[in-house]
Amino acid sequence: MNPLLQSLHAYPFERLRVLFEGIKPNAALRPISLGIGEPKHPTPEFIKKALIDNLNGLAVYPATAGSPELRQAMASWVHRRYRAKVDASTQVLPVSGSREALFAFAQTVIDPRGKLHSSAHSVPGKAVVVCPNPFYQIYEGAALLAGAEPFYAPSDPDRNFNVNWDLVPEKIWQRCQLLYVCSPGNPTGAVMPLADWEKLFALSDRYQFVIASDECYSEIYFREERPLGGLEAAVKLGRDDYKNLMMFTSLSKRSNVPGMRSGFVAGDAALIKAFALYRTYHGSAMNPTIQAASLLAWNDEKHVVENRQAYRDKFAAVTPVLAKVMEVALPDAGFYLWAKVPESMGLSDTEFAAALLAQYNVTVLPGSYLARDAQGHNPGAQRLRLALVAETAECLEAAERIVQFIQNFKKP
């Protein structure tokens, strides 16, 4: 067996399963889960029809690069959304969902021998992958299985847990080969500002590391200003060659089709070429039936606007209810609330989650499961990730139960 598998941490949902072992939820209440970030809004009918109408695609092997028409639809969406121009033939590549691509990309980029001669500012040593903290666990797993060392960059609670890049040590930058950015962030919903992008691009130029920008929550936002993306930031800063930059996006949240496993990457043509080579051997090309439906989805914004409004209405209803009893605020974007366990309860985030399930049959995810102990603490501790993915009535019922739990709680 690959010995690197032993370095992987248990996935958050496995840890949650272990935490809940032996707990008997209150059977008088129907179960409600705010634990998993799986979109629950209906899949648009035109996407389902496109799948049915293109089932003949099952009879052919898919091309790694996807169809020219699909790549053009993706490139056109990038231009409409971000005012960033990408060449559909050299700077765009379809992928089987952003999760798969985020993992596979590290296997393409990382040289586990370390930086030998890539930059005058680099030093020999084990490859480092920098990721935010809290973070999406795939970044860590991708780093470890590529033979690299993850570094958990310090977050700033005063800036909605955006990373403070100034606190990353020089010796880390010297060995950094890949940096993951998640904006809008999972679990915090924070959007990285242009000034942070400018800082990262300067660091990338100096130390020659690649930036992987995970933007799968970009189309669920609550204010008129759309979340800034990596390619958009590059254009604003005069970097339209997208050197050492790759964006990752997906239809899962945007179009409520997580089961389609459809997304794409775009950016630096040299990185796209290397990633396409890896994927040719990896064998994870997008099914032609999925390609046909994806093309239509990327070309349509009406269903995205409707989906976004549904989330806006839901968050507007639920957030004030929870804010009566705990520290919680509307995020910049995404479909999570990053709530704080009330100090008066005297509970850890894991104890809160276990007691809430037992007494009110509501599942939430402890924030400490989405972060690592680094710089002397776990930045997710005493936080809860609440995924408002179900319909409004169900999320409201869950919020009201949480309020009752907090108001009626008496520590044994």
Protein backbone atom coordinates (compact mmCIF):
# COMPACT_ATOMS: atom_id res chain seq x y z
CA MET A 1 0.00 0.00 0.00
CA ASN A 2 1.06 3.58 -0.61
CA PRO A 3 2.55 4.62 2.77
CA LEU A 4 1.37 8.19 2.19
CA LEU A 5 -2.22 7.01 2.75
CA GLN A 6 -1.35 6.67 6.43
CA SER A 7 -0.77 10.41 6.63
CA LEU A 8 -4.37 11.28 5.71
CA HIS A 9 -6.65 12.62 8.43
CA ALA A 10 -10.13 11.22 8.89
CA TYR A 11 -12.59 13.15 6.73
CA PRO A 12 -14.88 15.52 8.70
CA PHE A 13 -17.98 13.43 8.10
CA GLU A 14 -16.24 10.29 9.33
CA ARG A 15 -15.26 12.18 12.47
CA LEU A 16 -18.86 13.32 12.82
CA ARG A 17 -20.07 9.72 12.52
CA VAL A 18 -17.71 8.69 15.32
CA LEU A 19 -18.80 11.65 17.45
CA PHE A 20 -22.45 10.63 17.10
CA GLU A 21 -21.93 6.94 17.87
CA GLY A 22 -24.24 5.90 20.67
CA ILE A 23 -26.34 9.07 20.51
CA LYS A 24 -30.10 8.52 20.23
CA PRO A 25 -31.63 11.59 18.56
CA ASN A 26 -34.93 12.89 19.89
CA ALA A 27 -37.41 10.66 18.06
CA ALA A 28 -40.25 13.14 18.63
CA LEU A 29 -38.65 15.47 16.07
CA ARG A 30 -37.93 14.71 12.43
CA PRO A 31 -34.22 14.74 11.59
CA ILE A 32 -32.84 17.88 9.93
CA SER A 33 -29.27 18.04 8.67
CA LEU A 34 -27.31 21.24 8.25
CA GLY A 35 -24.12 19.22 8.21
CA ILE A 36 -23.36 18.47 4.56
CA GLY A 37 -22.93 21.12 1.87
CA GLU A 38 -24.96 19.29 -0.74
CA PRO A 39 -27.30 21.51 -2.82
CA LYS A 40 -30.95 20.57 -2.32
CA HIS A 41 -32.68 23.05 -4.63
CA PRO A 42 -34.33 21.40 -7.67
CA THR A 43 -32.20 20.70 -10.73
CA PRO A 44 -33.47 22.86 -13.64
CA GLU A 45 -35.71 20.95 -16.01
CA PHE A 46 -33.78 21.99 -19.12
CA ILE A 47 -30.64 20.34 -17.73
CA LYS A 48 -32.46 17.09 -17.00
CA LYS A 49 -33.98 17.17 -20.50
CA ALA A 50 -30.56 17.73 -22.05
CA LEU A 51 -29.23 14.64 -20.30
CA ILE A 52 -32.11 12.54 -21.61
CA ASP A 53 -31.81 13.95 -25.13
CA ASN A 54 -28.10 13.15 -25.32
CA LEU A 55 -27.92 9.62 -23.98
CA ASN A 56 -26.25 8.51 -27.22
CA GLY A 57 -23.12 10.07 -25.71
CA LEU A 58 -22.85 6.99 -23.53
CA ALA A 59 -21.81 4.98 -26.57
CA VAL A 60 -18.52 6.81 -27.22
CA TYR A 61 -15.29 7.36 -25.33
CA PRO A 62 -14.97 10.95 -24.14
CA ALA A 63 -12.05 13.17 -25.15
CA THR A 64 -9.97 14.56 -22.29
CA ALA A 65 -10.20 18.07 -23.73
CA GLY A 66 -13.97 17.91 -24.14
CA SER A 67 -15.76 19.22 -27.19
CA PRO A 68 -14.71 22.55 -28.75
CA GLU A 69 -18.28 23.79 -28.25
CA LEU A 70 -18.19 23.06 -24.52
CA ARG A 71 -14.81 24.74 -24.06
CA GLN A 72 -16.10 27.78 -25.92
CA ALA A 73 -19.18 27.95 -23.70
CA MET A 74 -16.90 27.85 -20.65
CA ALA A 75 -14.58 30.53 -22.06
CA SER A 76 -17.56 32.73 -22.92
CA TRP A 77 -18.91 32.38 -19.38
CA VAL A 78 -15.55 33.43 -17.94
CA HIS A 79 -15.63 36.54 -20.12
CA ARG A 80 -19.23 37.41 -19.21
CA ARG A 81 -18.71 36.79 -15.51
CA TYR A 82 -15.22 38.15 -14.95
CA ARG A 83 -14.39 40.24 -18.04
CA ALA A 84 -11.40 37.94 -18.43
CA LYS A 85 -10.50 36.54 -21.84
CA VAL A 86 -9.30 32.95 -22.07
CA ASP A 87 -8.49 30.95 -25.19
CA ALA A 88 -10.97 28.09 -25.41
CA SER A 89 -8.41 25.80 -27.04
CA THR A 90 -5.43 26.38 -24.75
CA GLN A 91 -6.63 27.94 -21.48
CA VAL A 92 -9.77 25.94 -20.59
CA LEU A 93 -10.22 22.29 -19.65
CA PRO A 94 -13.41 20.47 -18.54
CA VAL A 95 -13.14 18.45 -15.32
CA SER A 96 -15.32 15.99 -13.44
CA GLY A 97 -16.26 18.43 -10.71
CA SER A 98 -13.95 20.82 -8.88
CA ARG A 99 -13.18 18.39 -6.04
CA GLU A 100 -11.61 15.83 -8.36
CA ALA A 101 -9.67 18.53 -10.17
CA LEU A 102 -8.38 20.23 -7.04
CA PHE A 103 -6.96 16.91 -5.89
CA ALA A 104 -5.52 15.86 -9.24
CA PHE A 105 -3.94 19.25 -9.88
CA ALA A 106 -1.55 18.83 -6.96
CA GLN A 107 -0.39 15.52 -8.41
CA THR A 108 0.42 17.40 -11.63
CA VAL A 109 2.18 20.41 -10.11
CA ILE A 110 4.12 19.06 -7.12
CA ASP A 111 7.71 17.89 -7.42
CA PRO A 112 8.18 16.04 -4.12
CA ARG A 113 11.96 16.45 -4.38
CA GLY A 114 11.42 20.12 -3.56
CA LYS A 115 12.50 23.29 -5.31
CA LEU A 116 15.88 22.64 -6.84
CA HIS A 117 16.52 25.57 -9.19
CA SER A 118 13.10 27.11 -9.80
CA SER A 119 13.79 30.51 -8.24
CA ALA A 120 16.66 32.55 -6.86
CA HIS A 121 14.62 32.85 -3.67
CA SER A 122 13.90 29.12 -3.34
CA VAL A 123 15.75 26.70 -1.12
CA PRO A 124 16.08 22.91 -1.34
CA GLY A 125 13.78 20.90 0.88
CA LYS A 126 10.50 19.07 0.95
CA ALA A 127 7.78 20.65 -1.20
CA VAL A 128 5.25 22.78 0.68
CA VAL A 129 1.59 23.36 -0.17
CA VAL A 130 0.06 26.41 1.52
CA CYS A 131 -3.65 26.32 2.28
CA PRO A 132 -6.06 28.43 4.33
CA ASN A 133 -7.13 27.38 7.81
CA PRO A 134 -10.07 26.59 8.18
CA PHE A 135 -10.13 24.90 4.80
CA TYR A 136 -11.65 22.37 2.42
CA GLN A 137 -10.01 19.06 3.37
CA ILE A 138 -9.18 18.06 -0.22
CA TYR A 139 -6.30 20.57 -0.25
CA GLU A 140 -4.56 18.79 2.60
CA GLY A 141 -5.13 15.31 1.18
CA ALA A 142 -3.90 16.39 -2.23
CA ALA A 143 -0.73 17.79 -0.71
CA LEU A 144 0.01 14.74 1.42
CA LEU A 145 -0.54 12.22 -1.38
CA ALA A 146 1.66 14.29 -3.70
CA GLY A 147 4.48 13.89 -1.17
CA ALA A 148 4.33 17.50 -0.01
CA GLU A 149 4.03 19.12 3.42
CA PRO A 150 0.87 21.17 4.06
CA PHE A 151 1.26 24.55 5.73
CA TYR A 152 -1.87 25.96 7.37
CA ALA A 153 -1.77 29.71 6.83
CA PRO A 154 -2.99 31.87 9.75
CA SER A 155 -6.50 33.27 9.36
CA ASP A 156 -7.72 36.62 10.65
CA PRO A 157 -11.06 36.47 12.52
CA ASP A 158 -11.34 40.25 12.21
CA ARG A 159 -11.43 39.87 8.42
CA ASN A 160 -13.98 37.06 8.35
CA PHE A 161 -11.19 34.47 8.57
CA ASN A 162 -9.43 35.60 5.41
CA VAL A 163 -5.77 34.53 5.50
CA ASN A 164 -3.15 36.95 6.74
CA TRP A 165 -0.47 36.24 4.15
CA ASP A 166 2.01 38.47 5.97
CA LEU A 167 2.21 35.89 8.76
CA VAL A 168 3.45 33.10 6.50
CA PRO A 169 7.19 32.67 7.24
CA GLU A 170 9.82 33.32 4.60
CA LYS A 171 11.10 29.74 4.92
CA ILE A 172 7.65 28.46 3.90
CA TRP A 173 7.48 30.65 0.81
CA GLN A 174 10.95 29.45 -0.16
CA ARG A 175 9.72 25.84 -0.36
CA CYS A 176 6.15 26.55 -1.52
CA GLN A 177 5.18 24.97 -4.84
CA LEU A 178 1.41 25.27 -4.69
CA LEU A 179 -1.02 27.52 -2.84
CA TYR A 180 -4.74 26.88 -2.52
CA VAL A 181 -7.15 29.78 -2.26
CA CYS A 182 -10.87 29.29 -1.59
CA SER A 183 -12.86 32.42 -2.39
CA PRO A 184 -15.72 32.56 -1.54
CA GLY A 185 -14.45 30.47 1.31
CA ASN A 186 -15.59 27.15 2.71
CA PRO A 187 -16.61 27.26 5.56
CA THR A 188 -16.50 31.01 6.24
CA GLY A 189 -18.02 32.51 3.08
CA ALA A 190 -15.28 35.16 2.96
CA VAL A 191 -14.26 36.71 -0.38
CA MET A 192 -10.60 37.62 -0.83
CA PRO A 193 -10.11 41.31 -1.73
CA LEU A 194 -8.02 42.63 -4.62
CA ALA A 195 -5.24 43.81 -2.29
CA ASP A 196 -4.73 40.22 -1.12
CA TRP A 197 -4.60 39.00 -4.71
CA GLU A 198 -1.97 41.62 -5.51
CA LYS A 199 0.10 40.42 -2.57
CA LEU A 200 -0.22 36.76 -3.63
CA PHE A 201 0.73 37.48 -7.23
CA ALA A 202 3.87 39.31 -6.07
CA LEU A 203 4.78 36.36 -3.84
CA SER A 204 4.12 33.91 -6.67
CA ASP A 205 6.40 35.89 -8.98
CA ARG A 206 9.15 35.97 -6.38
CA TYR A 207 8.98 32.36 -5.24
CA GLN A 208 7.56 30.75 -8.39
CA PHE A 209 4.66 28.84 -6.84
CA VAL A 210 1.34 28.05 -8.51
CA ILE A 211 -1.96 29.45 -7.24
CA ALA A 212 -5.03 27.18 -7.40
CA SER A 213 -8.15 29.31 -6.92
CA ASP A 214 -11.19 27.31 -5.80
CA GLU A 215 -14.26 29.36 -6.79
CA CYS A 216 -17.09 26.84 -6.71
CA TYR A 217 -19.30 29.12 -4.53
CA SER A 218 -18.88 32.21 -6.72
CA GLU A 219 -22.49 32.40 -7.94
CA ILE A 220 -24.23 32.33 -4.55
CA TYR A 221 -23.86 35.81 -3.09
CA PHE A 222 -26.06 38.20 -1.14
CA ARG A 223 -25.09 41.71 -2.17
CA GLU A 224 -25.08 43.40 -5.55
CA GLU A 225 -21.29 43.28 -5.88
CA ARG A 226 -20.28 39.93 -7.33
CA PRO A 227 -17.42 38.04 -5.65
CA LEU A 228 -14.02 38.77 -7.15
CA GLY A 229 -12.39 35.84 -8.94
CA GLY A 230 -8.74 35.00 -9.52
CA LEU A 231 -8.72 35.58 -13.28
CA GLU A 232 -10.64 38.82 -12.79
CA ALA A 233 -8.09 39.96 -10.22
CA ALA A 234 -5.27 39.09 -12.62
CA VAL A 235 -6.84 41.20 -15.39
CA LYS A 236 -7.38 44.14 -13.03
CA LEU A 237 -3.70 43.94 -12.08
CA GLY A 238 -2.41 43.65 -15.68
CA ARG A 239 -1.65 39.92 -15.58
CA ASP A 240 -3.77 38.68 -18.48
CA ASP A 241 -1.32 35.87 -19.25
CA TYR A 242 -2.52 34.30 -15.94
CA LYS A 243 1.01 33.16 -15.15
CA ASN A 244 1.03 30.41 -12.48
CA LEU A 245 -2.71 30.85 -11.89
CA MET A 246 -5.51 28.31 -12.29
CA MET A 247 -9.16 28.84 -11.39
CA PHE A 248 -11.50 25.95 -10.55
CA THR A 249 -15.25 26.20 -10.84
CA SER A 250 -18.25 23.90 -10.99
CA LEU A 251 -21.91 23.60 -11.90
CA SER A 252 -22.74 21.78 -8.64
CA LYS A 253 -23.73 24.80 -6.56
CA ARG A 254 -24.42 27.21 -9.43
CA SER A 255 -26.92 24.92 -11.17
CA ASN A 256 -27.90 22.42 -8.45
CA VAL A 257 -26.37 19.43 -10.21
CA PRO A 258 -23.80 17.97 -7.77
CA GLY A 259 -24.38 14.50 -9.17
CA MET A 260 -23.33 15.53 -12.69
CA ARG A 261 -19.74 16.08 -11.53
CA SER A 262 -19.16 18.86 -14.03
CA GLY A 263 -16.81 21.82 -13.87
CA PHE A 264 -13.78 23.31 -15.54
CA VAL A 265 -10.40 24.87 -14.92
CA ALA A 266 -9.02 27.93 -16.70
CA GLY A 267 -5.83 29.95 -16.60
CA ASP A 268 -2.15 29.61 -17.45
CA ALA A 269 -1.87 27.78 -20.79
CA ALA A 270 1.30 25.95 -19.69
CA LEU A 271 -0.48 24.61 -16.61
CA ILE A 272 -3.50 23.59 -18.70
CA LYS A 273 -1.23 21.67 -21.08
CA ALA A 274 0.45 19.79 -18.21
CA PHE A 275 -2.87 19.10 -16.49
CA ALA A 276 -4.39 17.78 -19.74
CA LEU A 277 -1.46 15.37 -20.09
CA TYR A 278 -1.98 14.11 -16.55
CA ARG A 279 -5.71 13.70 -17.12
CA THR A 280 -5.16 11.78 -20.34
CA TYR A 281 -3.50 9.06 -18.28
CA HIS A 282 -5.75 9.57 -15.28
CA GLY A 283 -8.76 8.69 -17.45
CA SER A 284 -11.24 11.13 -15.91
CA ALA A 285 -12.62 12.77 -19.06
CA MET A 286 -16.15 14.16 -18.91
CA ASN A 287 -18.88 11.94 -20.34
CA PRO A 288 -20.32 13.35 -23.63
CA THR A 289 -23.85 13.21 -22.19
CA ILE A 290 -22.70 15.37 -19.27
CA GLN A 291 -20.86 17.64 -21.71
CA ALA A 292 -24.05 18.33 -23.67
CA ALA A 293 -26.02 19.28 -20.57
CA SER A 294 -23.10 21.30 -19.19
CA LEU A 295 -22.85 23.37 -22.35
CA LEU A 296 -26.47 24.47 -21.98
CA ALA A 297 -26.03 25.17 -18.27
CA TRP A 298 -23.01 27.44 -18.77
CA ASN A 299 -24.89 29.34 -21.47
CA ASP A 300 -27.92 30.05 -19.28
CA GLU A 301 -28.03 32.60 -16.44
CA LYS A 302 -31.77 32.73 -15.77
CA HIS A 303 -31.75 29.64 -13.56
CA VAL A 304 -28.66 30.93 -11.73
CA VAL A 305 -30.35 34.23 -10.88
CA GLU A 306 -33.41 32.36 -9.58
CA ASN A 307 -31.23 30.01 -7.53
CA ARG A 308 -29.28 32.91 -6.04
CA GLN A 309 -32.49 34.70 -5.08
CA ALA A 310 -33.76 31.57 -3.33
CA TYR A 311 -30.60 31.54 -1.20
CA ARG A 312 -30.88 35.26 -0.52
CA ASP A 313 -34.45 34.87 0.71
CA LYS A 314 -33.50 31.88 2.85
CA PHE A 315 -30.51 33.53 4.50
CA ALA A 316 -32.52 36.70 5.10
CA ALA A 317 -35.09 34.60 6.98
CA VAL A 318 -32.76 32.30 8.92
CA THR A 319 -29.81 34.52 9.91
CA PRO A 320 -31.79 36.95 12.16
CA VAL A 321 -33.38 34.02 13.99
CA LEU A 322 -30.01 32.54 14.94
CA ALA A 323 -28.49 35.98 15.63
CA LYS A 324 -30.82 36.31 18.63
CA VAL A 325 -28.82 33.70 20.55
CA MET A 326 -25.39 33.35 18.93
CA GLU A 327 -22.72 35.24 17.04
CA VAL A 328 -23.54 34.77 13.37
CA ALA A 329 -23.66 37.07 10.35
CA LEU A 330 -24.56 37.02 6.68
CA PRO A 331 -21.47 35.80 4.79
CA ASP A 332 -20.02 37.43 1.69
CA ALA A 333 -21.10 34.43 -0.37
CA GLY A 334 -21.67 30.67 -0.33
CA PHE A 335 -24.40 28.70 1.46
CA TYR A 336 -22.86 28.32 4.92
CA LEU A 337 -23.30 30.20 8.15
CA TRP A 338 -20.13 30.25 10.28
CA ALA A 339 -21.67 30.52 13.74
CA LYS A 340 -20.01 30.75 17.14
CA VAL A 341 -20.95 28.58 20.11
CA PRO A 342 -22.18 30.89 22.91
CA GLU A 343 -19.52 31.11 25.62
CA SER A 344 -22.21 31.05 28.31
CA MET A 345 -23.02 27.41 27.45
CA GLY A 346 -19.58 26.18 28.48
CA LEU A 347 -19.54 23.68 25.59
CA SER A 348 -16.97 22.93 22.92
CA ASP A 349 -18.14 22.90 19.31
CA THR A 350 -18.16 19.08 19.32
CA GLU A 351 -20.11 18.93 22.58
CA PHE A 352 -22.61 21.42 21.16
CA ALA A 353 -23.12 19.31 18.00
CA ALA A 354 -23.59 16.09 19.99
CA ALA A 355 -26.06 17.61 22.47
CA LEU A 356 -28.03 19.36 19.71
CA LEU A 357 -28.49 16.08 17.86
CA ALA A 358 -29.54 14.24 21.00
CA GLN A 359 -32.03 16.83 22.20
CA TYR A 360 -33.34 18.45 18.98
CA ASN A 361 -32.39 16.05 16.14
CA VAL A 362 -30.47 18.69 14.17
CA THR A 363 -27.07 17.92 12.67
CA VAL A 364 -24.38 20.61 12.40
CA LEU A 365 -20.66 20.28 11.65
CA PRO A 366 -18.13 21.31 14.34
CA GLY A 367 -15.81 24.00 13.02
CA SER A 368 -12.77 22.34 14.57
CA TYR A 369 -13.25 19.45 12.12
CA LEU A 370 -12.64 21.89 9.25
CA ALA A 371 -9.34 23.23 10.54
CA ARG A 372 -6.02 22.07 11.97
CA ASP A 373 -4.12 23.00 15.10
CA ALA A 374 -1.52 25.49 13.88
CA GLN A 375 0.27 28.50 15.37
CA GLY A 376 -0.88 27.27 18.77
CA HIS A 377 -4.63 26.93 18.20
CA ASN A 378 -7.41 25.55 16.02
CA PRO A 379 -9.12 28.51 14.29
CA GLY A 380 -12.30 26.50 13.76
CA ALA A 381 -12.73 25.71 17.45
CA GLN A 382 -15.96 26.98 19.00
CA ARG A 383 -17.44 27.51 15.54
CA LEU A 384 -20.16 25.61 13.70
CA ARG A 385 -20.72 25.27 9.98
CA LEU A 386 -24.41 25.38 9.15
CA ALA A 387 -25.22 24.41 5.57
CA LEU A 388 -28.48 26.13 4.55
CA VAL A 389 -29.05 23.89 1.56
CA ALA A 390 -32.58 22.62 2.17
CA GLU A 391 -35.74 24.59 1.47
CA THR A 392 -36.41 27.66 3.60
CA ALA A 393 -39.07 26.09 5.83
CA GLU A 394 -36.79 23.23 6.84
CA CYS A 395 -33.83 25.55 7.51
CA LEU A 396 -36.07 27.85 9.57
CA GLU A 397 -37.32 24.92 11.62
CA ALA A 398 -33.72 23.88 12.29
CA ALA A 399 -32.82 27.44 13.30
CA GLU A 400 -35.75 27.64 15.70
CA ARG A 401 -34.71 24.35 17.30
CA ILE A 402 -31.16 25.66 17.73
CA VAL A 403 -32.57 28.76 19.42
CA GLN A 404 -34.62 26.60 21.78
CA PHE A 405 -31.60 24.41 22.49
CA ILE A 406 -29.47 27.40 23.45
CA GLN A 407 -32.17 29.14 25.47
CA ASN A 408 -33.19 26.03 27.38
CA PHE A 409 -29.72 24.54 27.84
CA LYS A 410 -28.62 23.70 31.35
CA LYS A 411 -25.17 22.26 31.75
CA PRO A 412 -25.23 18.99 33.76
